[in-house]
Amino acid sequence: MAGGLAIGRSSVIVQGLELLALALLAADAKGLRQRIPLLSSPDKALAAGGWVLLVAAAVALDLALPEL
């Protein structure tokens, strides 16, 4: 990631920010995960589906970005 930042590759920067955001959600930093209804659902299947949607959105964004 540091190499991508040094040469300014936008896709590497976005991937790093996505990884940071997912890690903060997983760690429930400042109760952020509890504020997202799908992730804080008492139904385990719904909560798992929310995580699948988040990861799928991150992958889709990575694929949509052009390699610069």
N, C-alpha and C. Protein backbone atom coordinates (compact mmCIF):
# COMPACT_ATOMS: atom_id res chain seq x y z
N MET A 1 0.82 -1.19 0.00
CA MET A 1 0.00 0.00 0.00
C MET A 1 0.86 1.25 0.00
N ALA A 2 1.94 1.26 0.76
CA ALA A 2 2.79 2.45 0.82
C ALA A 2 3.39 2.75 -0.54
N GLY A 3 3.73 1.70 -1.29
CA GLY A 3 4.25 1.93 -2.63
C GLY A 3 3.24 2.58 -3.54
N GLY A 4 1.99 2.16 -3.39
CA GLY A 4 0.92 2.76 -4.19
C GLY A 4 0.69 4.21 -3.84
N LEU A 5 0.83 4.53 -2.55
CA LEU A 5 0.68 5.92 -2.14
C LEU A 5 1.80 6.78 -2.69
N ALA A 6 3.01 6.21 -2.75
CA ALA A 6 4.16 6.97 -3.22
C ALA A 6 4.03 7.34 -4.69
N ILE A 7 3.45 6.45 -5.50
CA ILE A 7 3.33 6.77 -6.92
C ILE A 7 1.93 7.25 -7.29
N GLY A 8 1.02 7.32 -6.31
CA GLY A 8 -0.30 7.90 -6.53
C GLY A 8 -1.31 7.03 -7.23
N ARG A 9 -1.23 5.71 -7.08
CA ARG A 9 -2.23 4.85 -7.72
C ARG A 9 -3.53 4.92 -6.93
N SER A 10 -4.56 5.42 -7.56
CA SER A 10 -5.82 5.63 -6.87
C SER A 10 -6.45 4.32 -6.40
N SER A 11 -6.28 3.26 -7.16
CA SER A 11 -6.90 1.99 -6.77
C SER A 11 -6.30 1.45 -5.48
N VAL A 12 -5.01 1.63 -5.29
CA VAL A 12 -4.36 1.16 -4.07
C VAL A 12 -4.81 2.00 -2.88
N ILE A 13 -4.96 3.28 -3.09
CA ILE A 13 -5.43 4.17 -2.02
C ILE A 13 -6.85 3.79 -1.60
N VAL A 14 -7.72 3.56 -2.58
CA VAL A 14 -9.11 3.19 -2.28
C VAL A 14 -9.16 1.84 -1.57
N GLN A 15 -8.36 0.88 -2.02
CA GLN A 15 -8.34 -0.43 -1.36
C GLN A 15 -7.88 -0.31 0.08
N GLY A 16 -6.91 0.52 0.33
CA GLY A 16 -6.44 0.74 1.70
C GLY A 16 -7.51 1.36 2.58
N LEU A 17 -8.22 2.34 2.03
CA LEU A 17 -9.30 2.98 2.79
C LEU A 17 -10.45 2.01 3.04
N GLU A 18 -10.74 1.16 2.05
CA GLU A 18 -11.79 0.15 2.24
C GLU A 18 -11.40 -0.82 3.34
N LEU A 19 -10.16 -1.26 3.33
CA LEU A 19 -9.68 -2.19 4.35
C LEU A 19 -9.76 -1.55 5.74
N LEU A 20 -9.38 -0.29 5.83
CA LEU A 20 -9.45 0.42 7.10
C LEU A 20 -10.90 0.53 7.57
N ALA A 21 -11.81 0.87 6.67
CA ALA A 21 -13.22 1.01 7.04
C ALA A 21 -13.81 -0.32 7.50
N LEU A 22 -13.50 -1.40 6.78
CA LEU A 22 -14.01 -2.72 7.19
C LEU A 22 -13.43 -3.14 8.54
N ALA A 23 -12.16 -2.84 8.77
CA ALA A 23 -11.54 -3.18 10.05
C ALA A 23 -12.19 -2.39 11.19
N LEU A 24 -12.46 -1.11 10.96
CA LEU A 24 -13.11 -0.30 11.99
C LEU A 24 -14.52 -0.80 12.28
N LEU A 25 -15.23 -1.21 11.24
CA LEU A 25 -16.57 -1.77 11.45
C LEU A 25 -16.49 -3.09 12.20
N ALA A 26 -15.55 -3.94 11.84
CA ALA A 26 -15.42 -5.23 12.50
C ALA A 26 -15.06 -5.06 13.97
N ALA A 27 -14.24 -4.07 14.27
CA ALA A 27 -13.83 -3.81 15.66
C ALA A 27 -14.88 -3.00 16.42
N ASP A 28 -15.90 -2.55 15.73
CA ASP A 28 -16.97 -1.73 16.30
C ASP A 28 -16.40 -0.47 16.97
N ALA A 29 -15.50 0.19 16.25
CA ALA A 29 -14.89 1.41 16.75
C ALA A 29 -15.96 2.49 16.97
N LYS A 30 -15.98 3.02 18.17
CA LYS A 30 -16.93 4.08 18.58
C LYS A 30 -18.38 3.67 18.36
N GLY A 31 -18.67 2.39 18.39
CA GLY A 31 -20.04 1.90 18.26
C GLY A 31 -20.63 2.08 16.87
N LEU A 32 -19.76 2.24 15.87
CA LEU A 32 -20.23 2.49 14.51
C LEU A 32 -21.06 1.33 13.97
N ARG A 33 -20.60 0.09 14.20
CA ARG A 33 -21.33 -1.08 13.70
C ARG A 33 -22.73 -1.15 14.32
N GLN A 34 -22.87 -0.74 15.57
CA GLN A 34 -24.16 -0.79 16.25
C GLN A 34 -25.16 0.20 15.65
N ARG A 35 -24.67 1.20 14.92
CA ARG A 35 -25.55 2.20 14.30
C ARG A 35 -26.04 1.77 12.92
N ILE A 36 -25.52 0.65 12.41
CA ILE A 36 -25.94 0.14 11.10
C ILE A 36 -26.89 -1.03 11.35
N PRO A 37 -28.18 -0.83 11.09
CA PRO A 37 -29.18 -1.84 11.46
C PRO A 37 -28.90 -3.25 10.92
N LEU A 38 -28.45 -3.35 9.70
CA LEU A 38 -28.24 -4.68 9.12
C LEU A 38 -27.09 -5.41 9.80
N LEU A 39 -26.05 -4.68 10.18
CA LEU A 39 -24.90 -5.32 10.84
C LEU A 39 -25.15 -5.61 12.31
N SER A 40 -26.04 -4.85 12.93
CA SER A 40 -26.32 -5.06 14.35
C SER A 40 -27.58 -5.89 14.59
N SER A 41 -28.07 -6.53 13.55
CA SER A 41 -29.28 -7.33 13.66
C SER A 41 -29.07 -8.52 14.60
N PRO A 42 -30.05 -8.81 15.46
CA PRO A 42 -29.93 -9.99 16.31
C PRO A 42 -30.02 -11.30 15.51
N ASP A 43 -30.58 -11.23 14.31
CA ASP A 43 -30.65 -12.40 13.44
C ASP A 43 -29.29 -12.59 12.76
N LYS A 44 -28.63 -13.69 13.07
CA LYS A 44 -27.27 -13.94 12.56
C LYS A 44 -27.23 -13.99 11.03
N ALA A 45 -28.27 -14.51 10.41
CA ALA A 45 -28.28 -14.60 8.95
C ALA A 45 -28.32 -13.20 8.33
N LEU A 46 -29.11 -12.30 8.90
CA LEU A 46 -29.17 -10.93 8.39
C LEU A 46 -27.85 -10.21 8.59
N ALA A 47 -27.24 -10.39 9.74
CA ALA A 47 -25.95 -9.75 10.01
C ALA A 47 -24.88 -10.28 9.05
N ALA A 48 -24.87 -11.57 8.82
CA ALA A 48 -23.90 -12.16 7.88
C ALA A 48 -24.16 -11.63 6.47
N GLY A 49 -25.42 -11.51 6.11
CA GLY A 49 -25.76 -10.95 4.79
C GLY A 49 -25.30 -9.52 4.64
N GLY A 50 -25.36 -8.75 5.72
CA GLY A 50 -24.88 -7.38 5.69
C GLY A 50 -23.38 -7.32 5.42
N TRP A 51 -22.63 -8.22 6.07
CA TRP A 51 -21.18 -8.27 5.83
C TRP A 51 -20.88 -8.70 4.40
N VAL A 52 -21.65 -9.64 3.89
CA VAL A 52 -21.45 -10.08 2.51
C VAL A 52 -21.70 -8.92 1.55
N LEU A 53 -22.74 -8.14 1.80
CA LEU A 53 -23.02 -6.98 0.95
C LEU A 53 -21.90 -5.95 1.01
N LEU A 54 -21.37 -5.70 2.20
CA LEU A 54 -20.27 -4.74 2.33
C LEU A 54 -19.03 -5.19 1.57
N VAL A 55 -18.67 -6.45 1.72
CA VAL A 55 -17.48 -6.96 1.03
C VAL A 55 -17.72 -6.97 -0.49
N ALA A 56 -18.92 -7.35 -0.92
CA ALA A 56 -19.23 -7.36 -2.35
C ALA A 56 -19.17 -5.95 -2.93
N ALA A 57 -19.65 -4.96 -2.18
CA ALA A 57 -19.57 -3.57 -2.63
C ALA A 57 -18.12 -3.11 -2.73
N ALA A 58 -17.29 -3.52 -1.79
CA ALA A 58 -15.87 -3.16 -1.83
C ALA A 58 -15.19 -3.77 -3.04
N VAL A 59 -15.48 -5.03 -3.32
CA VAL A 59 -14.89 -5.70 -4.48
C VAL A 59 -15.38 -5.05 -5.77
N ALA A 60 -16.66 -4.73 -5.85
CA ALA A 60 -17.21 -4.09 -7.04
C ALA A 60 -16.56 -2.73 -7.28
N LEU A 61 -16.33 -1.98 -6.21
CA LEU A 61 -15.68 -0.68 -6.35
C LEU A 61 -14.25 -0.85 -6.83
N ASP A 62 -13.56 -1.84 -6.31
CA ASP A 62 -12.18 -2.09 -6.74
C ASP A 62 -12.12 -2.46 -8.22
N LEU A 63 -13.06 -3.27 -8.67
CA LEU A 63 -13.09 -3.66 -10.07
C LEU A 63 -13.50 -2.53 -10.98
N ALA A 64 -14.29 -1.59 -10.49
CA ALA A 64 -14.77 -0.48 -11.30
C ALA A 64 -13.72 0.61 -11.48
N LEU A 65 -12.76 0.68 -10.55
CA LEU A 65 -11.75 1.72 -10.66
C LEU A 65 -10.76 1.38 -11.76
N PRO A 66 -10.43 2.37 -12.56
CA PRO A 66 -9.40 2.12 -13.59
C PRO A 66 -8.02 2.05 -12.94
N GLU A 67 -7.16 1.26 -13.52
CA GLU A 67 -5.78 1.17 -13.05
C GLU A 67 -5.03 2.38 -13.59
N LEU A 68 -4.60 3.23 -12.69
CA LEU A 68 -3.86 4.44 -13.11
C LEU A 68 -2.40 4.33 -12.75
